[in-house]
C-alpha cells in the first residue's frame, strides 16, 4: 500500500474510533434493525409498475446477505475502486459532465466510449463497476426518519452498529454526495432512500407513471478494463431519442439509490463475449464467457468537459459525438413504456 494511502487509511481509522467513542454516549439514538419487507415491496411494485418485471438490481435487495454493514467483500472492491463507489463514480461522473475533471475515477481507461463502438463484431474493453452493496430496503417511514446529513454521521453509525471501516467510509461519502448536490445545467438528481422514493423520482422526471425498469446481467464484481470482449449483438432498449433515469446503489447500511438524468439518451442491451483466450471462450481468465450489459449513451454532450479523455483521444469537442458508458449490476434504468423497444432480440444498427 502506498504511503499516502496508508496515511489516509490511518486517519480514517482514528476518525472512526473517535466517532465510535462518541456514539456510545449518544442519548436517544436507537439501533435500527434491518427488516426484510419483501412481500410489501413486491406488492407495491406490482401495483405501481404493472407493466414492468422487477429487475435483478431490485430483486437482489429483497434477500440481502446478513453482513451488509461490512460492505462488499471477496472481490477486491476497495483496492480497485479506492475510496468507494459513491465518491469515485458518482462525484466523478457529475464533475466530468460539468466543469471539473479532477476525479481520478473518471480518468480510468475505457469508462466511456463512442456509440459506434457498439457495432456487432467490434472488440471492446468494457469498464463495468462492481456493486456498491447488497443492503436491504427499509420501510419508507423508517428511512424518512433517518437524517441524510454529514452532521448526523455519528448517529447513523450508532443506529446500524457494528459498522466496518469500509461501510463507515461509504456512509460518509454517500452523505456528502446527497447533501452537497452539484448538478450541471439540465441534470436532475436525487438520493432515494426507499423504493417508493426511487419510483416517484423516476415518474416525476419522465412525466409518466407507466414505466419499465431494466438492469444488466453482468458480474457483481464488475469488469475491469483490459478484458477484451466482442460485441455479439446489440438491440435498442429505450427510445431512439428519449429520456431515461438511471439509479445506482450507494454503499450504506440500507438501500440508498443515487438517481439522476442527463437527457436525451439512448439505451442499448449489448451481448458481449469474452476474447480473453483468442477464441471467445474466456477460459482461465476469471471473466464471464458471455454477458448482456446495458449501455447508456448521452446524445447531447455540449456541456461535457472538453478535457474528457475520450474527447482528447479522438480529437473531439463537446457536442461532436454521443458518449456512452455501461452500468453496474446494481443499477436500474427507467424509461417510459411508450419509449421501450419491444421488437425482439434482433440486431439493430447504431444510430449516427
Protein backbone atom coordinates (compact mmCIF):
# COMPACT_ATOMS: atom_id res chain seq x y z
CA UNK A 1 0.00 0.00 0.00
CA UNK A 2 1.35 3.41 -0.93
CA UNK A 3 2.36 5.73 1.92
CA UNK A 4 -0.30 8.28 1.00
CA UNK A 5 -2.98 5.58 1.00
CA UNK A 6 -1.72 4.21 4.32
CA UNK A 7 -1.81 7.70 5.85
CA UNK A 8 -5.36 8.25 4.62
CA UNK A 9 -6.40 4.85 5.96
CA UNK A 10 -4.90 5.52 9.40
CA UNK A 11 -6.54 8.94 9.51
CA UNK A 12 -9.89 7.38 8.72
CA UNK A 13 -9.33 4.67 11.33
CA UNK A 14 -8.60 7.24 14.04
CA UNK A 15 -11.60 9.28 12.95
CA UNK A 16 -13.92 6.27 13.11
CA UNK A 17 -12.62 5.26 16.52
CA UNK A 18 -13.30 8.74 17.85
CA UNK A 19 -16.77 8.68 16.34
CA UNK A 20 -17.41 5.25 17.84
CA UNK A 21 -16.46 6.52 21.30
CA UNK A 22 -18.76 9.50 20.84
CA UNK A 23 -21.57 7.29 19.52
CA UNK A 24 -21.55 5.16 22.70
CA UNK A 25 -22.67 8.19 24.67
CA UNK A 26 -25.38 9.40 22.29
CA UNK A 27 -28.70 9.82 24.03
CA UNK A 28 -31.91 8.84 22.28
CA UNK A 29 -30.25 7.12 19.33
CA UNK A 30 -31.67 3.64 18.91
CA UNK A 31 -30.14 0.90 16.85
CA UNK A 32 -32.10 0.30 13.66
CA UNK A 33 -32.91 -3.29 12.79
CA UNK A 34 -32.85 -4.20 9.12
CA UNK A 35 -36.20 -5.79 8.21
CA UNK A 36 -36.84 -7.72 5.03
CA UNK A 37 -40.24 -6.46 3.84
CA UNK A 38 -40.04 -8.45 0.61
CA UNK A 39 -43.77 -9.12 0.31
CA UNK A 40 -44.62 -5.48 0.95
CA UNK A 41 -42.13 -4.27 -1.67
CA UNK A 42 -43.34 -6.83 -4.20
CA UNK A 43 -46.95 -5.76 -3.70
CA UNK A 44 -46.00 -2.10 -4.09
CA UNK A 45 -44.09 -2.83 -7.29
CA UNK A 46 -46.95 -4.81 -8.82
CA UNK A 47 -49.41 -2.03 -8.01
CA UNK A 48 -47.29 0.88 -9.25
CA UNK A 49 -45.46 -0.80 -12.14
CA UNK A 50 -47.79 -3.43 -13.61
CA UNK A 51 -46.01 -3.33 -16.98
CA UNK A 52 -42.51 -3.83 -15.62
CA UNK A 53 -40.96 -7.05 -14.33
CA UNK A 54 -38.82 -6.41 -11.27
CA UNK A 55 -35.19 -6.10 -12.46
CA UNK A 56 -32.29 -8.03 -10.95
CA UNK A 57 -30.93 -4.98 -9.13
CA UNK A 58 -34.15 -4.76 -7.09
CA UNK A 59 -34.76 -8.49 -6.71
CA UNK A 60 -31.32 -8.99 -5.16
CA UNK A 61 -32.12 -6.48 -2.43
CA UNK A 62 -35.18 -8.41 -1.30
CA UNK A 63 -32.99 -11.17 0.16
CA UNK A 64 -29.73 -9.48 1.13
CA UNK A 65 -26.81 -11.15 2.95
CA UNK A 66 -26.63 -10.82 6.72
CA UNK A 67 -23.34 -8.88 6.81
CA UNK A 68 -24.36 -5.83 4.78
CA UNK A 69 -22.77 -3.47 7.31
CA UNK A 70 -19.39 -4.89 6.42
CA UNK A 71 -19.55 -3.61 2.86
CA UNK A 72 -18.69 -5.65 -0.22
CA UNK A 73 -16.13 -8.41 0.29
CA UNK A 74 -14.38 -11.00 -1.80
CA UNK A 75 -13.74 -9.01 -4.96
CA UNK A 76 -11.00 -6.51 -4.05
CA UNK A 77 -13.62 -3.79 -4.37
CA UNK A 78 -11.86 -1.32 -2.10
CA UNK A 79 -8.42 -1.90 -3.56
CA UNK A 80 -9.81 -1.42 -7.07
CA UNK A 81 -12.19 1.45 -6.53
CA UNK A 82 -10.28 3.42 -3.91
CA UNK A 83 -12.48 5.37 -1.53
CA UNK A 84 -15.70 3.85 -2.70
CA UNK A 85 -18.27 3.89 -5.43
CA UNK A 86 -20.02 6.98 -4.09
CA UNK A 87 -17.11 9.39 -4.04
CA UNK A 88 -15.47 7.81 -7.06
CA UNK A 89 -18.13 7.06 -9.61
CA UNK A 90 -20.92 9.43 -8.67
CA UNK A 91 -18.97 12.57 -7.92
CA UNK A 92 -16.55 11.89 -10.75
CA UNK A 93 -19.43 11.32 -13.12
CA UNK A 94 -21.04 14.67 -12.36
CA UNK A 95 -17.77 16.58 -12.31
CA UNK A 96 -16.82 15.17 -15.68
CA UNK A 97 -20.00 16.33 -17.29
CA UNK A 98 -19.71 19.75 -15.68
CA UNK A 99 -16.67 21.95 -15.34
CA UNK A 100 -14.46 19.65 -13.29
CA UNK A 101 -12.37 16.70 -14.27
CA UNK A 102 -10.01 16.12 -11.38
CA UNK A 103 -11.62 12.97 -10.02
CA UNK A 104 -9.33 10.07 -10.85
CA UNK A 105 -12.14 7.59 -11.35
CA UNK A 106 -13.43 9.32 -14.46
CA UNK A 107 -9.97 9.05 -15.98
CA UNK A 108 -9.94 5.27 -15.78
CA UNK A 109 -9.39 3.74 -19.20
CA UNK A 110 -12.44 2.67 -21.18
CA UNK A 111 -15.01 4.03 -18.75
CA UNK A 112 -16.61 5.93 -21.62
CA UNK A 113 -16.70 5.14 -25.31
CA UNK A 114 -18.24 6.37 -28.55
CA UNK A 115 -21.56 4.98 -29.67
CA UNK A 116 -20.23 3.41 -32.86
CA UNK A 117 -18.05 1.10 -30.71
CA UNK A 118 -21.22 -0.93 -30.10
CA UNK A 119 -21.50 -2.26 -33.64
CA UNK A 120 -21.69 -6.08 -33.77
CA UNK A 121 -18.26 -7.55 -34.42
CA UNK A 122 -16.41 -4.74 -32.67
CA UNK A 123 -13.85 -5.55 -29.98
CA UNK A 124 -14.27 -3.54 -26.81
CA UNK A 125 -12.59 -3.47 -23.39
CA UNK A 126 -15.54 -2.61 -21.13
CA UNK A 127 -15.19 -0.98 -17.73
CA UNK A 128 -18.14 -2.01 -15.57
CA UNK A 129 -18.04 -1.10 -11.90
CA UNK A 130 -18.72 -3.62 -9.14
CA UNK A 131 -21.79 -3.38 -6.96
CA UNK A 132 -21.71 -0.92 -4.07
CA UNK A 133 -23.56 -3.07 -1.53
CA UNK A 134 -26.40 -5.55 -1.09
CA UNK A 135 -28.13 -3.64 1.69
CA UNK A 136 -31.90 -4.17 2.11
CA UNK A 137 -34.70 -1.65 1.68
CA UNK A 138 -36.21 -0.10 4.77
CA UNK A 139 -39.84 0.80 5.18
CA UNK A 140 -40.32 4.33 3.93
CA UNK A 141 -41.37 5.75 7.29
CA UNK A 142 -38.20 4.39 8.91
CA UNK A 143 -35.95 5.53 6.05
CA UNK A 144 -37.50 9.02 6.06
CA UNK A 145 -36.77 9.36 9.79
CA UNK A 146 -33.01 8.95 9.24
CA UNK A 147 -31.41 12.34 8.54
CA UNK A 148 -29.15 12.09 5.47
CA UNK A 149 -26.70 14.74 6.66
CA UNK A 150 -22.99 14.65 7.40
CA UNK A 151 -23.62 16.24 10.79
CA UNK A 152 -25.57 13.11 11.73
CA UNK A 153 -22.77 10.76 10.76
CA UNK A 154 -22.16 9.59 14.34
CA UNK A 155 -25.87 8.99 14.88
CA UNK A 156 -26.09 6.81 11.79
CA UNK A 157 -23.06 4.75 12.87
CA UNK A 158 -24.78 4.15 16.20
CA UNK A 159 -28.08 3.24 14.54
CA UNK A 160 -26.52 0.49 12.46
CA UNK A 161 -23.64 -0.69 14.65
CA UNK A 162 -21.43 -2.60 14.33
CA UNK A 163 -20.07 -0.80 11.27
CA UNK A 164 -16.88 -1.73 9.44
CA UNK A 165 -14.37 0.88 8.24
CA UNK A 166 -15.37 0.06 4.68
CA UNK A 167 -19.03 0.76 5.38
CA UNK A 168 -18.25 3.85 7.51
CA UNK A 169 -16.28 5.32 4.62
CA UNK A 170 -19.18 4.58 2.28
CA UNK A 171 -21.67 6.23 4.64
CA UNK A 172 -19.58 9.38 4.89
CA UNK A 173 -19.16 9.56 1.13
CA UNK A 174 -22.86 8.93 0.46
CA UNK A 175 -23.95 11.59 2.96
CA UNK A 176 -21.60 14.12 1.38
CA UNK A 177 -22.89 13.29 -2.09
CA UNK A 178 -26.55 13.56 -1.05
CA UNK A 179 -26.06 16.73 0.99
CA UNK A 180 -23.92 18.64 -1.48
CA UNK A 181 -25.66 18.27 -4.79
CA UNK A 182 -23.62 19.69 -7.65
CA UNK A 183 -25.82 19.18 -10.70
CA UNK A 184 -24.83 20.52 -14.05
CA UNK A 185 -27.26 22.53 -16.15
CA UNK A 186 -30.12 20.33 -17.24
CA UNK A 187 -29.31 17.46 -14.88
CA UNK A 188 -31.91 16.18 -12.43
CA UNK A 189 -30.73 14.12 -9.49
CA UNK A 190 -31.76 12.87 -6.06
CA UNK A 191 -30.81 10.42 -3.33
CA UNK A 192 -33.67 7.98 -2.84
CA UNK A 193 -33.82 6.09 0.45
CA UNK A 194 -36.84 3.85 -0.23
CA UNK A 195 -38.33 2.00 -3.17
CA UNK A 196 -41.20 4.49 -3.13
CA UNK A 197 -38.90 7.49 -3.45
CA UNK A 198 -36.97 5.79 -6.28
CA UNK A 199 -40.17 5.16 -8.24
CA UNK A 200 -41.57 8.62 -7.54
CA UNK A 201 -38.40 10.34 -8.71
CA UNK A 202 -38.38 8.37 -11.96
CA UNK A 203 -42.04 9.13 -12.56
CA UNK A 204 -41.52 12.82 -11.86
CA UNK A 205 -38.56 13.18 -14.23
CA UNK A 206 -40.09 11.12 -17.02
CA UNK A 207 -43.56 12.61 -16.70
CA UNK A 208 -45.47 9.34 -16.62
CA UNK A 209 -46.48 6.61 -14.20
CA UNK A 210 -46.22 3.95 -16.89
CA UNK A 211 -42.56 2.92 -16.62
CA UNK A 212 -40.29 -0.03 -17.37
CA UNK A 213 -37.19 -0.79 -15.32
CA UNK A 214 -34.07 -2.61 -16.53
CA UNK A 215 -30.81 -3.81 -15.03
CA UNK A 216 -27.93 -5.68 -16.71
CA UNK A 217 -26.79 -9.28 -16.44
CA UNK A 218 -23.15 -8.62 -15.52
CA UNK A 219 -20.90 -9.88 -12.68
CA UNK A 220 -21.37 -8.47 -9.17
CA UNK A 221 -17.67 -7.62 -9.03
CA UNK A 222 -17.80 -5.79 -12.36
CA UNK A 223 -15.40 -5.99 -15.29
CA UNK A 224 -12.10 -4.17 -15.07
CA UNK A 225 -10.50 -2.59 -18.15
CA UNK A 226 -8.10 -4.79 -20.07
CA UNK A 227 -10.51 -7.70 -20.54
CA UNK A 228 -11.37 -7.86 -24.24
CA UNK A 229 -14.90 -8.65 -25.37
CA UNK A 230 -16.51 -8.94 -28.77
CA UNK A 231 -19.85 -7.23 -29.35
CA UNK A 232 -22.02 -10.16 -30.42
CA UNK A 233 -25.42 -8.47 -30.63
CA UNK A 234 -26.95 -5.09 -29.94
CA UNK A 235 -30.55 -4.05 -29.56
CA UNK A 236 -32.10 -0.74 -28.67
CA UNK A 237 -33.87 -0.97 -25.33
CA UNK A 238 -35.23 2.51 -24.73
CA UNK A 239 -36.09 5.05 -27.35
CA UNK A 240 -34.16 6.27 -30.32
CA UNK A 241 -34.02 9.76 -28.83
CA UNK A 242 -35.61 9.63 -25.43
CA UNK A 243 -35.39 10.37 -21.75
CA UNK A 244 -34.29 7.89 -19.13
CA UNK A 245 -33.40 7.88 -15.43
CA UNK A 246 -30.51 5.85 -14.04
CA UNK A 247 -30.28 4.87 -10.37
CA UNK A 248 -27.16 3.37 -8.74
CA UNK A 249 -26.98 1.91 -5.25
CA UNK A 250 -24.66 3.63 -2.78
CA UNK A 251 -22.67 1.98 0.00
CA UNK A 252 -24.95 2.39 3.01
CA UNK A 253 -26.42 0.09 5.72
CA UNK A 254 -29.77 0.17 3.93
CA UNK A 255 -30.69 0.60 0.27
CA UNK A 256 -29.95 4.13 -0.90
CA UNK A 257 -30.02 4.93 -4.61
CA UNK A 258 -28.37 7.85 -6.34
CA UNK A 259 -30.73 8.66 -9.21
CA UNK A 260 -30.03 11.12 -11.99
CA UNK A 261 -30.92 12.02 -15.54
CA UNK A 262 -28.81 13.71 -18.22
CA UNK A 263 -31.07 13.58 -21.25
CA UNK A 264 -31.64 12.87 -24.09
CA UNK A 265 -30.30 9.33 -24.00
CA UNK A 266 -30.35 6.07 -25.88
CA UNK A 267 -30.07 2.71 -24.10
CA UNK A 268 -28.74 -0.50 -25.63
CA UNK A 269 -28.66 -4.10 -24.47
CA UNK A 270 -25.27 -5.39 -25.57
CA UNK A 271 -24.31 -9.06 -25.66
CA UNK A 272 -20.56 -9.31 -25.01
CA UNK A 273 -18.45 -12.45 -25.46
CA UNK A 274 -15.01 -12.80 -23.90
CA UNK A 275 -12.00 -12.76 -26.21
CA UNK A 276 -9.50 -13.45 -23.42
CA UNK A 277 -8.00 -16.61 -24.91
CA UNK A 278 -8.44 -15.56 -28.50
CA UNK A 279 -11.37 -17.82 -29.35
CA UNK A 280 -14.15 -16.33 -27.27
CA UNK A 281 -14.16 -18.98 -24.56
CA UNK A 282 -12.60 -16.84 -21.86
CA UNK A 283 -11.19 -19.95 -20.21
CA UNK A 284 -8.82 -19.36 -17.35
CA UNK A 285 -9.33 -15.61 -17.41
CA UNK A 286 -11.70 -15.29 -14.48
CA UNK A 287 -14.05 -13.29 -16.71
CA UNK A 288 -17.52 -14.43 -17.77
CA UNK A 289 -17.67 -16.03 -21.20
CA UNK A 290 -20.78 -14.10 -22.19
CA UNK A 291 -22.95 -11.42 -20.58
CA UNK A 292 -25.64 -8.92 -21.50
CA UNK A 293 -24.66 -5.42 -20.44
CA UNK A 294 -26.65 -2.20 -20.60
CA UNK A 295 -25.09 0.85 -22.21
CA UNK A 296 -26.44 4.37 -21.73
CA UNK A 297 -25.50 6.84 -24.45
CA UNK A 298 -25.80 10.56 -23.77
CA UNK A 299 -26.74 12.24 -27.01
CA UNK A 300 -26.17 15.89 -26.06
CA UNK A 301 -22.56 16.26 -24.93
CA UNK A 302 -22.32 20.01 -25.48
CA UNK A 303 -21.88 20.63 -21.73
CA UNK A 304 -19.34 17.88 -21.15
CA UNK A 305 -15.83 18.71 -20.03
CA UNK A 306 -13.63 19.39 -23.11
CA UNK A 307 -10.77 17.63 -21.31
CA UNK A 308 -12.73 14.40 -21.08
CA UNK A 309 -10.18 11.70 -22.03
CA UNK A 310 -12.49 10.31 -24.70
CA UNK A 311 -12.68 13.70 -26.42
CA UNK A 312 -8.94 14.23 -26.18
CA UNK A 313 -8.20 10.74 -27.53
CA UNK A 314 -10.42 11.23 -30.58
CA UNK A 315 -9.73 14.94 -31.08
CA UNK A 316 -13.37 15.82 -30.45
CA UNK A 317 -15.08 18.79 -28.88
CA UNK A 318 -18.14 18.72 -26.59
CA UNK A 319 -21.20 18.19 -28.74
CA UNK A 320 -19.33 16.45 -31.56
CA UNK A 321 -20.42 12.92 -30.61
CA UNK A 322 -22.56 10.98 -28.17
CA UNK A 323 -20.79 9.44 -25.17
CA UNK A 324 -21.71 6.03 -23.76
CA UNK A 325 -20.97 4.03 -20.62
CA UNK A 326 -22.01 0.68 -19.20
CA UNK A 327 -23.88 0.45 -15.90
CA UNK A 328 -23.19 -1.88 -12.98
CA UNK A 329 -25.33 -4.86 -11.95
CA UNK A 330 -26.88 -2.85 -9.09
CA UNK A 331 -28.09 -0.08 -11.40
CA UNK A 332 -31.66 0.42 -12.57
CA UNK A 333 -32.52 2.22 -15.81
CA UNK A 334 -36.02 3.65 -16.06
CA UNK A 335 -37.83 4.52 -19.28
CA UNK A 336 -41.44 5.29 -20.27
CA UNK A 337 -43.17 2.14 -21.52
CA UNK A 338 -44.08 4.05 -24.70
CA UNK A 339 -40.35 4.52 -25.44
CA UNK A 340 -39.34 0.90 -24.83
CA UNK A 341 -38.44 -1.09 -27.94
CA UNK A 342 -40.24 -4.43 -27.88
CA UNK A 343 -39.47 -5.79 -31.34
CA UNK A 344 -37.36 -8.69 -30.01
CA UNK A 345 -33.70 -9.51 -29.86
CA UNK A 346 -32.71 -8.84 -33.46
CA UNK A 347 -29.61 -6.74 -34.11
CA UNK A 348 -30.14 -3.07 -34.87
CA UNK A 349 -27.84 -0.53 -36.44
CA UNK A 350 -26.17 2.03 -34.21
CA UNK A 351 -27.72 5.43 -34.88
CA UNK A 352 -25.41 8.16 -36.11
